[in-house]
Amino acid sequence: MANTKSALKAVRSSARKAEQNRPIKSSVRTAVNKARRLLATGDTSAAEAVKAAAQALDKAAQKGVIHSNNAARKKSRLMKRLASGASA
């Protein structure tokens, strides 16, 4: 447990920010998982799902919920799967 006044405030602040970030992270995970599922099945709407996931990742990175490199890495992997599925 925090001892100082500033540390107690930091605990409250981080809890508040975590609560605000939770739904954003959840929606990003949902969008990415949906895109991955559609890519795995070879669905025709996979490209739209990848686009939606990329937008969700960009928004989360812009808001500072996830790191920009994390978003870029996930987008890159989705795009690579989309490209390999489209060429096959």
N, C-alpha and C. Protein backbone atom coordinates (compact mmCIF):
# COMPACT_ATOMS: atom_id res chain seq x y z
N MET A 1 0.84 -1.19 0.00
CA MET A 1 0.00 0.00 0.00
C MET A 1 0.88 1.24 0.00
N ALA A 2 0.41 2.25 -0.70
CA ALA A 2 1.16 3.50 -0.79
C ALA A 2 1.19 4.20 0.56
N ASN A 3 2.29 4.88 0.82
CA ASN A 3 2.46 5.55 2.11
C ASN A 3 2.25 7.05 2.04
N THR A 4 2.75 7.68 1.00
CA THR A 4 2.67 9.13 0.93
C THR A 4 1.38 9.59 0.27
N LYS A 5 1.07 10.86 0.49
CA LYS A 5 -0.15 11.43 -0.07
C LYS A 5 -0.12 11.39 -1.60
N SER A 6 1.04 11.71 -2.16
CA SER A 6 1.16 11.72 -3.62
C SER A 6 1.06 10.31 -4.20
N ALA A 7 1.58 9.34 -3.47
CA ALA A 7 1.50 7.96 -3.94
C ALA A 7 0.05 7.45 -3.89
N LEU A 8 -0.68 7.85 -2.86
CA LEU A 8 -2.09 7.48 -2.78
C LEU A 8 -2.88 8.09 -3.95
N LYS A 9 -2.56 9.34 -4.27
CA LYS A 9 -3.22 10.01 -5.39
C LYS A 9 -2.86 9.32 -6.70
N ALA A 10 -1.61 8.89 -6.84
CA ALA A 10 -1.18 8.20 -8.06
C ALA A 10 -1.93 6.88 -8.22
N VAL A 11 -2.18 6.19 -7.12
CA VAL A 11 -2.93 4.93 -7.17
C VAL A 11 -4.36 5.19 -7.64
N ARG A 12 -4.98 6.24 -7.10
CA ARG A 12 -6.34 6.59 -7.52
C ARG A 12 -6.38 6.98 -8.99
N SER A 13 -5.40 7.76 -9.39
CA SER A 13 -5.34 8.24 -10.77
C SER A 13 -5.15 7.09 -11.75
N SER A 14 -4.23 6.19 -11.43
CA SER A 14 -3.97 5.07 -12.34
C SER A 14 -5.18 4.14 -12.41
N ALA A 15 -5.90 3.98 -11.30
CA ALA A 15 -7.10 3.14 -11.31
C ALA A 15 -8.17 3.78 -12.20
N ARG A 16 -8.29 5.09 -12.10
CA ARG A 16 -9.28 5.81 -12.91
C ARG A 16 -8.94 5.69 -14.40
N LYS A 17 -7.67 5.85 -14.74
CA LYS A 17 -7.26 5.75 -16.14
C LYS A 17 -7.42 4.33 -16.66
N ALA A 18 -7.12 3.35 -15.82
CA ALA A 18 -7.29 1.95 -16.24
C ALA A 18 -8.75 1.66 -16.53
N GLU A 19 -9.65 2.23 -15.72
CA GLU A 19 -11.08 2.04 -15.92
C GLU A 19 -11.54 2.68 -17.23
N GLN A 20 -10.97 3.83 -17.57
CA GLN A 20 -11.32 4.50 -18.82
C GLN A 20 -10.77 3.75 -20.03
N ASN A 21 -9.62 3.14 -19.88
CA ASN A 21 -8.97 2.46 -21.00
C ASN A 21 -9.54 1.08 -21.27
N ARG A 22 -10.17 0.47 -20.27
CA ARG A 22 -10.64 -0.92 -20.40
C ARG A 22 -11.58 -1.12 -21.58
N PRO A 23 -12.63 -0.31 -21.76
CA PRO A 23 -13.53 -0.56 -22.90
C PRO A 23 -12.85 -0.34 -24.26
N ILE A 24 -11.90 0.57 -24.31
CA ILE A 24 -11.19 0.81 -25.57
C ILE A 24 -10.35 -0.40 -25.93
N LYS A 25 -9.61 -0.92 -24.94
CA LYS A 25 -8.78 -2.12 -25.18
C LYS A 25 -9.66 -3.30 -25.58
N SER A 26 -10.80 -3.42 -24.93
CA SER A 26 -11.70 -4.52 -25.22
C SER A 26 -12.22 -4.45 -26.65
N SER A 27 -12.61 -3.27 -27.10
CA SER A 27 -13.12 -3.14 -28.46
C SER A 27 -12.03 -3.39 -29.49
N VAL A 28 -10.80 -3.00 -29.17
CA VAL A 28 -9.68 -3.26 -30.07
C VAL A 28 -9.45 -4.77 -30.18
N ARG A 29 -9.44 -5.44 -29.03
CA ARG A 29 -9.25 -6.90 -29.04
C ARG A 29 -10.35 -7.59 -29.83
N THR A 30 -11.58 -7.14 -29.65
CA THR A 30 -12.71 -7.73 -30.37
C THR A 30 -12.54 -7.55 -31.88
N ALA A 31 -12.16 -6.34 -32.30
CA ALA A 31 -12.00 -6.07 -33.73
C ALA A 31 -10.88 -6.91 -34.33
N VAL A 32 -9.76 -7.02 -33.61
CA VAL A 32 -8.62 -7.80 -34.10
C VAL A 32 -8.97 -9.27 -34.17
N ASN A 33 -9.63 -9.78 -33.14
CA ASN A 33 -10.00 -11.20 -33.14
C ASN A 33 -11.01 -11.51 -34.24
N LYS A 34 -11.93 -10.61 -34.48
CA LYS A 34 -12.91 -10.81 -35.55
C LYS A 34 -12.20 -10.87 -36.90
N ALA A 35 -11.26 -9.97 -37.11
CA ALA A 35 -10.50 -9.95 -38.36
C ALA A 35 -9.70 -11.25 -38.51
N ARG A 36 -9.06 -11.68 -37.45
CA ARG A 36 -8.29 -12.93 -37.51
C ARG A 36 -9.17 -14.12 -37.85
N ARG A 37 -10.35 -14.18 -37.23
CA ARG A 37 -11.28 -15.29 -37.50
C ARG A 37 -11.70 -15.29 -38.96
N LEU A 38 -12.05 -14.11 -39.48
CA LEU A 38 -12.49 -14.03 -40.87
C LEU A 38 -11.34 -14.35 -41.84
N LEU A 39 -10.13 -13.95 -41.49
CA LEU A 39 -8.98 -14.28 -42.34
C LEU A 39 -8.72 -15.78 -42.34
N ALA A 40 -8.91 -16.41 -41.19
CA ALA A 40 -8.66 -17.86 -41.09
C ALA A 40 -9.68 -18.65 -41.90
N THR A 41 -10.93 -18.17 -41.93
CA THR A 41 -11.96 -18.89 -42.69
C THR A 41 -11.97 -18.52 -44.16
N GLY A 42 -11.26 -17.45 -44.52
CA GLY A 42 -11.22 -17.04 -45.92
C GLY A 42 -12.48 -16.32 -46.34
N ASP A 43 -13.16 -15.67 -45.41
CA ASP A 43 -14.39 -14.95 -45.68
C ASP A 43 -14.12 -13.75 -46.59
N THR A 44 -15.11 -13.38 -47.40
CA THR A 44 -14.94 -12.26 -48.32
C THR A 44 -14.94 -10.92 -47.60
N SER A 45 -15.53 -10.86 -46.42
CA SER A 45 -15.59 -9.59 -45.67
C SER A 45 -14.37 -9.41 -44.77
N ALA A 46 -13.35 -10.22 -44.97
CA ALA A 46 -12.15 -10.14 -44.14
C ALA A 46 -11.43 -8.80 -44.33
N ALA A 47 -11.41 -8.29 -45.56
CA ALA A 47 -10.72 -7.03 -45.82
C ALA A 47 -11.36 -5.88 -45.06
N GLU A 48 -12.69 -5.88 -44.99
CA GLU A 48 -13.40 -4.84 -44.24
C GLU A 48 -13.11 -4.96 -42.74
N ALA A 49 -13.05 -6.18 -42.25
CA ALA A 49 -12.77 -6.41 -40.84
C ALA A 49 -11.35 -5.98 -40.48
N VAL A 50 -10.41 -6.22 -41.39
CA VAL A 50 -9.02 -5.80 -41.16
C VAL A 50 -8.95 -4.27 -41.15
N LYS A 51 -9.68 -3.64 -42.04
CA LYS A 51 -9.71 -2.17 -42.08
C LYS A 51 -10.27 -1.61 -40.78
N ALA A 52 -11.35 -2.21 -40.29
CA ALA A 52 -11.97 -1.76 -39.03
C ALA A 52 -11.02 -1.97 -37.86
N ALA A 53 -10.32 -3.11 -37.87
CA ALA A 53 -9.36 -3.39 -36.80
C ALA A 53 -8.21 -2.39 -36.83
N ALA A 54 -7.74 -2.05 -38.02
CA ALA A 54 -6.65 -1.08 -38.15
C ALA A 54 -7.09 0.29 -37.64
N GLN A 55 -8.31 0.68 -37.93
CA GLN A 55 -8.82 1.95 -37.44
C GLN A 55 -8.91 1.95 -35.92
N ALA A 56 -9.40 0.84 -35.35
CA ALA A 56 -9.51 0.74 -33.90
C ALA A 56 -8.13 0.80 -33.25
N LEU A 57 -7.16 0.13 -33.85
CA LEU A 57 -5.80 0.16 -33.33
C LEU A 57 -5.21 1.57 -33.39
N ASP A 58 -5.44 2.25 -34.51
CA ASP A 58 -4.93 3.62 -34.66
C ASP A 58 -5.54 4.56 -33.62
N LYS A 59 -6.84 4.44 -33.40
CA LYS A 59 -7.50 5.29 -32.41
C LYS A 59 -6.97 5.03 -31.01
N ALA A 60 -6.79 3.76 -30.68
CA ALA A 60 -6.28 3.41 -29.35
C ALA A 60 -4.86 3.94 -29.16
N ALA A 61 -4.06 3.85 -30.20
CA ALA A 61 -2.68 4.35 -30.11
C ALA A 61 -2.68 5.87 -30.00
N GLN A 62 -3.57 6.52 -30.73
CA GLN A 62 -3.65 7.98 -30.69
C GLN A 62 -4.05 8.47 -29.31
N LYS A 63 -4.94 7.72 -28.65
CA LYS A 63 -5.38 8.10 -27.31
C LYS A 63 -4.38 7.69 -26.24
N GLY A 64 -3.37 6.93 -26.61
CA GLY A 64 -2.37 6.51 -25.65
C GLY A 64 -2.76 5.28 -24.85
N VAL A 65 -3.80 4.60 -25.29
CA VAL A 65 -4.24 3.39 -24.59
C VAL A 65 -3.26 2.26 -24.82
N ILE A 66 -2.78 2.14 -26.06
CA ILE A 66 -1.72 1.18 -26.37
C ILE A 66 -0.58 1.95 -27.03
N HIS A 67 0.59 1.37 -27.03
CA HIS A 67 1.75 2.02 -27.62
C HIS A 67 1.62 2.00 -29.14
N SER A 68 2.13 3.03 -29.78
CA SER A 68 1.99 3.13 -31.23
C SER A 68 2.70 1.98 -31.95
N ASN A 69 3.83 1.53 -31.40
CA ASN A 69 4.53 0.40 -32.02
C ASN A 69 3.72 -0.89 -31.89
N ASN A 70 3.01 -1.03 -30.79
CA ASN A 70 2.15 -2.19 -30.58
C ASN A 70 1.05 -2.20 -31.65
N ALA A 71 0.44 -1.05 -31.87
CA ALA A 71 -0.61 -0.95 -32.89
C ALA A 71 -0.04 -1.24 -34.28
N ALA A 72 1.13 -0.69 -34.57
CA ALA A 72 1.75 -0.90 -35.88
C ALA A 72 2.07 -2.37 -36.10
N ARG A 73 2.57 -3.04 -35.06
CA ARG A 73 2.91 -4.45 -35.18
C ARG A 73 1.67 -5.29 -35.45
N LYS A 74 0.58 -5.02 -34.73
CA LYS A 74 -0.64 -5.79 -34.93
C LYS A 74 -1.24 -5.53 -36.32
N LYS A 75 -1.20 -4.27 -36.76
CA LYS A 75 -1.70 -3.94 -38.09
C LYS A 75 -0.87 -4.65 -39.16
N SER A 76 0.43 -4.66 -38.98
CA SER A 76 1.32 -5.28 -39.94
C SER A 76 1.02 -6.77 -40.07
N ARG A 77 0.81 -7.42 -38.94
CA ARG A 77 0.53 -8.86 -38.96
C ARG A 77 -0.80 -9.16 -39.63
N LEU A 78 -1.81 -8.31 -39.35
CA LEU A 78 -3.10 -8.50 -40.00
C LEU A 78 -2.99 -8.30 -41.52
N MET A 79 -2.27 -7.26 -41.91
CA MET A 79 -2.12 -6.98 -43.35
C MET A 79 -1.36 -8.10 -44.06
N LYS A 80 -0.38 -8.65 -43.36
CA LYS A 80 0.40 -9.74 -43.95
C LYS A 80 -0.48 -10.97 -44.16
N ARG A 81 -1.34 -11.25 -43.17
CA ARG A 81 -2.27 -12.38 -43.31
C ARG A 81 -3.26 -12.13 -44.43
N LEU A 82 -3.72 -10.90 -44.53
CA LEU A 82 -4.68 -10.55 -45.58
C LEU A 82 -4.05 -10.72 -46.95
N ALA A 83 -2.81 -10.25 -47.10
CA ALA A 83 -2.10 -10.35 -48.39
C ALA A 83 -1.82 -11.80 -48.77
N SER A 84 -1.43 -12.61 -47.81
CA SER A 84 -1.13 -14.02 -48.12
C SER A 84 -2.40 -14.78 -48.46
N GLY A 85 -3.50 -14.42 -47.82
CA GLY A 85 -4.78 -15.07 -48.12
C GLY A 85 -5.32 -14.63 -49.47
N ALA A 86 -5.08 -13.39 -49.84
CA ALA A 86 -5.60 -12.87 -51.11
C ALA A 86 -4.83 -13.45 -52.28
N SER A 87 -3.52 -13.70 -52.09
CA SER A 87 -2.74 -14.23 -53.19
C SER A 87 -2.92 -15.73 -53.36
N ALA A 88 -3.36 -16.40 -52.32
CA ALA A 88 -3.51 -17.87 -52.37
C ALA A 88 -4.77 -18.29 -53.09
